[in-house]
C-alpha atoms as a PDB file:
ATOM      1  CA  UNK A   1       0.288  -0.150  -0.158  1.00  0.00           C
ATOM      2  CA  UNK A   2       1.592   3.142  -1.073  1.00  0.00           C
ATOM      3  CA  UNK A   3       0.913   6.271   1.098  1.00  0.00           C
ATOM      4  CA  UNK A   4       0.166   9.833  -0.313  1.00  0.00           C
ATOM      5  CA  UNK A   5       3.827  11.226   0.521  1.00  0.00           C
ATOM      6  CA  UNK A   6       5.085   8.117  -1.603  1.00  0.00           C
ATOM      7  CA  UNK A   7       3.106   9.637  -4.479  1.00  0.00           C
ATOM      8  CA  UNK A   8       4.374  13.113  -3.763  1.00  0.00           C
ATOM      9  CA  UNK A   9       8.051  12.050  -3.359  1.00  0.00           C
ATOM     10  CA  UNK A  10       7.751  10.122  -6.522  1.00  0.00           C
ATOM     11  CA  UNK A  11       6.462  12.902  -8.623  1.00  0.00           C
ATOM     12  CA  UNK A  12       8.398  15.859  -7.123  1.00  0.00           C
ATOM     13  CA  UNK A  13      11.822  14.552  -6.119  1.00  0.00           C
ATOM     14  CA  UNK A  14      12.502  10.893  -7.040  1.00  0.00           C
ATOM     15  CA  UNK A  15      10.977  10.523 -10.478  1.00  0.00           C
ATOM     16  CA  UNK A  16      10.603   7.069  -9.975  1.00  0.00           C
ATOM     17  CA  UNK A  17       7.462   5.496 -11.657  1.00  0.00           C
ATOM     18  CA  UNK A  18       5.592   3.446  -9.025  1.00  0.00           C
ATOM     19  CA  UNK A  19       3.224   1.949 -11.644  1.00  0.00           C
ATOM     20  CA  UNK A  20       6.212   0.562 -13.417  1.00  0.00           C
ATOM     21  CA  UNK A  21       6.887  -1.898 -10.194  1.00  0.00           C
ATOM     22  CA  UNK A  22       3.059  -2.656  -9.784  1.00  0.00           C
ATOM     23  CA  UNK A  23       0.383  -1.137 -12.069  1.00  0.00           C
ATOM     24  CA  UNK A  24      -2.514  -2.230  -9.754  1.00  0.00           C
ATOM     25  CA  UNK A  25      -1.255   0.837  -7.529  1.00  0.00           C
ATOM     26  CA  UNK A  26      -3.385   3.159  -9.884  1.00  0.00           C
ATOM     27  CA  UNK A  27      -6.378   2.232  -7.716  1.00  0.00           C
ATOM     28  CA  UNK A  28      -4.693   3.677  -4.779  1.00  0.00           C
ATOM     29  CA  UNK A  29      -3.784   7.014  -6.503  1.00  0.00           C
ATOM     30  CA  UNK A  30      -5.980   9.965  -5.309  1.00  0.00           C
ATOM     31  CA  UNK A  31      -5.887  12.886  -8.115  1.00  0.00           C
ATOM     32  CA  UNK A  32      -7.981  15.234  -6.167  1.00  0.00           C
ATOM     33  CA  UNK A  33      -5.654  15.278  -3.126  1.00  0.00           C
ATOM     34  CA  UNK A  34      -2.513  15.288  -5.421  1.00  0.00           C
ATOM     35  CA  UNK A  35      -3.870  18.055  -7.417  1.00  0.00           C
ATOM     36  CA  UNK A  36      -4.880  20.105  -4.130  1.00  0.00           C
ATOM     37  CA  UNK A  37      -1.521  19.883  -2.897  1.00  0.00           C
ATOM     38  CA  UNK A  38       0.270  20.613  -5.917  1.00  0.00           C
ATOM     39  CA  UNK A  39      -1.901  23.474  -6.747  1.00  0.00           C
ATOM     40  CA  UNK A  40      -0.571  25.307  -3.709  1.00  0.00           C
ATOM     41  CA  UNK A  41       3.036  25.552  -5.363  1.00  0.00           C
ATOM     42  CA  UNK A  42       3.679  28.338  -7.741  1.00  0.00           C
ATOM     43  CA  UNK A  43       5.323  26.306 -10.392  1.00  0.00           C
ATOM     44  CA  UNK A  44       2.444  23.602 -10.363  1.00  0.00           C
ATOM     45  CA  UNK A  45      -0.435  25.663 -10.516  1.00  0.00           C
ATOM     46  CA  UNK A  46      -0.885  25.431 -14.099  1.00  0.00           C
ATOM     47  CA  UNK A  47      -0.072  21.775 -14.248  1.00  0.00           C
ATOM     48  CA  UNK A  48      -2.790  21.385 -11.522  1.00  0.00           C
ATOM     49  CA  UNK A  49      -5.332  23.395 -13.355  1.00  0.00           C
ATOM     50  CA  UNK A  50      -4.968  21.413 -16.516  1.00  0.00           C
ATOM     51  CA  UNK A  51      -5.565  18.183 -14.508  1.00  0.00           C
ATOM     52  CA  UNK A  52      -8.653  19.884 -13.107  1.00  0.00           C
ATOM     53  CA  UNK A  53      -9.856  20.600 -16.671  1.00  0.00           C
ATOM     54  CA  UNK A  54      -9.023  16.661 -17.644  1.00  0.00           C
ATOM     55  CA  UNK A  55     -10.287  15.186 -14.728  1.00  0.00           C
ATOM     56  CA  UNK A  56     -12.099  12.205 -16.632  1.00  0.00           C
ATOM     57  CA  UNK A  57      -8.858  10.961 -17.854  1.00  0.00           C
ATOM     58  CA  UNK A  58      -7.330   7.473 -15.827  1.00  0.00           C
ATOM     59  CA  UNK A  59      -5.707   8.164 -12.983  1.00  0.00           C
ATOM     60  CA  UNK A  60      -2.410   6.084 -14.377  1.00  0.00           C
ATOM     61  CA  UNK A  61      -2.465   9.222 -17.203  1.00  0.00           C
ATOM     62  CA  UNK A  62      -2.752  12.146 -14.468  1.00  0.00           C
ATOM     63  CA  UNK A  63      -0.092  10.514 -12.672  1.00  0.00           C
ATOM     64  CA  UNK A  64       2.195  10.168 -15.764  1.00  0.00           C
ATOM     65  CA  UNK A  65       1.429  13.587 -16.492  1.00  0.00           C
ATOM     66  CA  UNK A  66       2.836  15.165 -13.410  1.00  0.00           C
ATOM     67  CA  UNK A  67       5.566  12.513 -13.122  1.00  0.00           C
ATOM     68  CA  UNK A  68       6.794  13.657 -16.656  1.00  0.00           C
ATOM     69  CA  UNK A  69       6.057  17.228 -16.761  1.00  0.00           C
ATOM     70  CA  UNK A  70       7.037  18.898 -13.570  1.00  0.00           C
ATOM     71  CA  UNK A  71      10.531  19.592 -12.838  1.00  0.00           C
ATOM     72  CA  UNK A  72      12.845  17.602 -10.394  1.00  0.00           C
ATOM     73  CA  UNK A  73      12.287  19.865  -7.068  1.00  0.00           C
ATOM     74  CA  UNK A  74      12.115  19.520  -3.284  1.00  0.00           C
ATOM     75  CA  UNK A  75       8.393  20.841  -2.599  1.00  0.00           C
ATOM     76  CA  UNK A  76       6.893  21.115   0.750  1.00  0.00           C
ATOM     77  CA  UNK A  77       3.473  22.477   1.004  1.00  0.00           C
ATOM     78  CA  UNK A  78       1.948  22.619   4.581  1.00  0.00           C
ATOM     79  CA  UNK A  79      -1.705  21.510   4.728  1.00  0.00           C
ATOM     80  CA  UNK A  80      -3.934  24.342   5.479  1.00  0.00           C
ATOM     81  CA  UNK A  81      -6.180  23.901   8.573  1.00  0.00           C
ATOM     82  CA  UNK A  82      -8.821  25.984   9.801  1.00  0.00           C
ATOM     83  CA  UNK A  83      -7.913  27.907  12.954  1.00  0.00           C
ATOM     84  CA  UNK A  84     -10.016  26.652  16.224  1.00  0.00           C
ATOM     85  CA  UNK A  85     -11.560  29.260  18.023  1.00  0.00           C
ATOM     86  CA  UNK A  86     -10.883  29.553  21.617  1.00  0.00           C
ATOM     87  CA  UNK A  87     -13.951  28.807  24.131  1.00  0.00           C
ATOM     88  CA  UNK A  88     -16.156  27.673  21.164  1.00  0.00           C
ATOM     89  CA  UNK A  89     -16.593  24.177  22.607  1.00  0.00           C
ATOM     90  CA  UNK A  90     -17.843  25.681  25.588  1.00  0.00           C
ATOM     91  CA  UNK A  91     -20.668  27.712  24.055  1.00  0.00           C
ATOM     92  CA  UNK A  92     -21.747  24.411  21.825  1.00  0.00           C
ATOM     93  CA  UNK A  93     -22.264  22.565  24.666  1.00  0.00           C
ATOM     94  CA  UNK A  94     -23.764  25.124  26.969  1.00  0.00           C
ATOM     95  CA  UNK A  95     -26.493  26.483  24.422  1.00  0.00           C
ATOM     96  CA  UNK A  96     -26.536  23.093  21.959  1.00  0.00           C
ATOM     97  CA  UNK A  97     -25.490  25.088  19.057  1.00  0.00           C
ATOM     98  CA  UNK A  98     -23.581  24.092  16.000  1.00  0.00           C
ATOM     99  CA  UNK A  99     -19.899  25.717  14.914  1.00  0.00           C
ATOM    100  CA  UNK A 100     -21.682  28.331  13.108  1.00  0.00           C
ATOM    101  CA  UNK A 101     -24.151  29.538  15.658  1.00  0.00           C
ATOM    102  CA  UNK A 102     -21.535  29.235  18.497  1.00  0.00           C
ATOM    103  CA  UNK A 103     -18.980  31.713  16.271  1.00  0.00           C
ATOM    104  CA  UNK A 104     -21.955  34.154  16.077  1.00  0.00           C
ATOM    105  CA  UNK A 105     -22.861  33.877  20.022  1.00  0.00           C
ATOM    106  CA  UNK A 106     -18.942  34.305  20.708  1.00  0.00           C
ATOM    107  CA  UNK A 107     -19.054  37.580  18.885  1.00  0.00           C
ATOM    108  CA  UNK A 108     -21.641  38.891  21.439  1.00  0.00           C
ATOM    109  CA  UNK A 109     -20.676  37.132  24.595  1.00  0.00           C
ATOM    110  CA  UNK A 110     -18.385  39.140  26.976  1.00  0.00           C
ATOM    111  CA  UNK A 111     -15.398  37.746  28.955  1.00  0.00           C
ATOM    112  CA  UNK A 112     -17.584  37.439  32.185  1.00  0.00           C
ATOM    113  CA  UNK A 113     -20.605  35.509  30.661  1.00  0.00           C
ATOM    114  CA  UNK A 114     -18.122  33.290  29.026  1.00  0.00           C
ATOM    115  CA  UNK A 115     -16.455  32.665  32.329  1.00  0.00           C
ATOM    116  CA  UNK A 116     -20.006  31.974  33.832  1.00  0.00           C
ATOM    117  CA  UNK A 117     -20.551  29.442  31.072  1.00  0.00           C
ATOM    118  CA  UNK A 118     -17.175  27.812  31.952  1.00  0.00           C
ATOM    119  CA  UNK A 119     -17.985  27.625  35.503  1.00  0.00           C
ATOM    120  CA  UNK A 120     -21.494  26.053  35.007  1.00  0.00           C
ATOM    121  CA  UNK A 121     -20.002  23.416  32.855  1.00  0.00           C
ATOM    122  CA  UNK A 122     -17.159  22.365  35.143  1.00  0.00           C
ATOM    123  CA  UNK A 123     -17.509  18.642  36.296  1.00  0.00           C
ATOM    124  CA  UNK A 124     -15.466  19.204  39.357  1.00  0.00           C
ATOM    125  CA  UNK A 125     -13.168  16.316  38.654  1.00  0.00           C
ATOM    126  CA  UNK A 126      -9.978  16.473  40.287  1.00  0.00           C
ATOM    127  CA  UNK A 127      -6.333  15.808  38.418  1.00  0.00           C
END
Protein backbone atom coordinates (compact mmCIF):
# COMPACT_ATOMS: atom_id res chain seq x y z
CA UNK A 1 0.00 0.00 0.00
CA UNK A 2 1.46 3.33 -1.02
CA UNK A 3 0.83 6.46 0.97
CA UNK A 4 0.30 10.02 -0.16
CA UNK A 5 3.88 10.95 0.70
CA UNK A 6 5.15 8.19 -1.61
CA UNK A 7 3.17 9.56 -4.55
CA UNK A 8 4.34 13.12 -3.85
CA UNK A 9 7.97 12.05 -3.42
CA UNK A 10 7.78 10.20 -6.71
CA UNK A 11 6.25 13.16 -8.56
CA UNK A 12 8.35 15.90 -7.00
CA UNK A 13 11.76 14.51 -6.24
CA UNK A 14 12.70 10.93 -7.06
CA UNK A 15 10.92 10.63 -10.46
CA UNK A 16 10.61 6.86 -9.96
CA UNK A 17 7.46 5.58 -11.63
CA UNK A 18 5.58 3.62 -8.97
CA UNK A 19 3.26 2.11 -11.56
CA UNK A 20 6.12 0.34 -13.37
CA UNK A 21 6.70 -1.82 -10.30
CA UNK A 22 3.03 -2.59 -9.70
CA UNK A 23 0.34 -1.38 -12.16
CA UNK A 24 -2.42 -2.20 -9.64
CA UNK A 25 -1.27 0.74 -7.50
CA UNK A 26 -3.18 3.08 -9.81
CA UNK A 27 -6.29 2.32 -7.75
CA UNK A 28 -4.66 3.92 -4.70
CA UNK A 29 -3.73 7.16 -6.48
CA UNK A 30 -6.00 10.03 -5.36
CA UNK A 31 -5.97 12.72 -8.07
CA UNK A 32 -8.08 15.20 -6.10
CA UNK A 33 -5.68 15.35 -3.15
CA UNK A 34 -2.59 15.43 -5.39
CA UNK A 35 -4.10 18.29 -7.42
CA UNK A 36 -4.97 20.19 -4.26
CA UNK A 37 -1.47 19.85 -2.84
CA UNK A 38 0.34 20.69 -6.08
CA UNK A 39 -1.91 23.68 -6.80
CA UNK A 40 -0.44 25.39 -3.74
CA UNK A 41 2.99 25.49 -5.40
CA UNK A 42 3.62 28.44 -7.70
CA UNK A 43 5.38 26.37 -10.36
CA UNK A 44 2.66 23.66 -10.39
CA UNK A 45 -0.50 25.77 -10.55
CA UNK A 46 -0.93 25.57 -14.31
CA UNK A 47 -0.29 21.82 -14.33
CA UNK A 48 -2.82 21.25 -11.56
CA UNK A 49 -5.33 23.40 -13.43
CA UNK A 50 -4.80 21.30 -16.54
CA UNK A 51 -5.51 18.14 -14.56
CA UNK A 52 -8.62 19.74 -13.06
CA UNK A 53 -9.86 20.48 -16.56
CA UNK A 54 -9.09 16.91 -17.65
CA UNK A 55 -10.35 15.17 -14.50
CA UNK A 56 -11.99 12.48 -16.63
CA UNK A 57 -8.61 10.98 -17.57
CA UNK A 58 -7.51 7.72 -15.97
CA UNK A 59 -5.51 7.90 -12.76
CA UNK A 60 -2.39 6.43 -14.32
CA UNK A 61 -2.46 9.05 -17.09
CA UNK A 62 -2.79 11.88 -14.57
CA UNK A 63 0.08 10.46 -12.53
CA UNK A 64 2.26 10.10 -15.63
CA UNK A 65 1.47 13.68 -16.65
CA UNK A 66 2.76 15.02 -13.33
CA UNK A 67 5.69 12.64 -13.25
CA UNK A 68 6.94 13.66 -16.69
CA UNK A 69 5.92 17.34 -16.73
CA UNK A 70 7.07 18.74 -13.40
CA UNK A 71 10.70 19.52 -12.85
CA UNK A 72 12.57 17.66 -10.16
CA UNK A 73 12.35 19.83 -7.07
CA UNK A 74 11.95 19.33 -3.35
CA UNK A 75 8.51 20.82 -2.67
CA UNK A 76 6.89 21.05 0.71
CA UNK A 77 3.45 22.55 1.13
CA UNK A 78 1.93 22.56 4.60
CA UNK A 79 -1.65 21.38 4.75
CA UNK A 80 -3.97 24.32 5.34
CA UNK A 81 -6.11 23.85 8.42
CA UNK A 82 -8.87 25.98 9.80
CA UNK A 83 -7.94 27.84 12.97
CA UNK A 84 -9.56 26.67 16.16
CA UNK A 85 -11.61 29.25 18.00
CA UNK A 86 -11.02 29.58 21.71
CA UNK A 87 -14.00 28.78 23.97
CA UNK A 88 -16.21 27.59 21.11
CA UNK A 89 -16.66 24.15 22.69
CA UNK A 90 -18.05 25.70 25.88
CA UNK A 91 -20.62 27.73 23.96
CA UNK A 92 -21.59 24.76 21.81
CA UNK A 93 -22.20 22.46 24.76
CA UNK A 94 -23.91 25.09 26.94
CA UNK A 95 -26.39 26.30 24.31
CA UNK A 96 -26.46 23.20 22.07
CA UNK A 97 -25.34 25.22 19.06
CA UNK A 98 -23.49 24.09 15.96
CA UNK A 99 -20.16 25.68 14.95
CA UNK A 100 -21.71 28.50 12.94
CA UNK A 101 -24.14 29.60 15.65
CA UNK A 102 -21.49 29.25 18.35
CA UNK A 103 -19.16 31.58 16.40
CA UNK A 104 -21.94 34.16 16.17
CA UNK A 105 -22.66 33.83 19.88
CA UNK A 106 -18.98 34.31 20.75
CA UNK A 107 -19.03 37.65 18.95
CA UNK A 108 -21.67 39.04 21.32
CA UNK A 109 -20.64 37.35 24.58
CA UNK A 110 -18.25 39.20 26.87
CA UNK A 111 -15.53 37.63 29.03
CA UNK A 112 -17.60 37.50 32.20
CA UNK A 113 -20.40 35.65 30.39
CA UNK A 114 -17.93 33.15 28.94
CA UNK A 115 -16.40 32.61 32.38
CA UNK A 116 -19.92 32.01 33.77
CA UNK A 117 -20.52 29.38 31.07
CA UNK A 118 -17.19 27.70 31.90
CA UNK A 119 -18.08 27.58 35.59
CA UNK A 120 -21.49 26.05 34.85
CA UNK A 121 -19.93 23.35 32.70
CA UNK A 122 -17.21 22.40 35.18
CA UNK A 123 -17.60 18.79 36.24
CA UNK A 124 -15.53 19.07 39.41
CA UNK A 125 -13.08 16.28 38.65
CA UNK A 126 -9.67 16.27 40.30
CA UNK A 127 -6.38 16.03 38.47
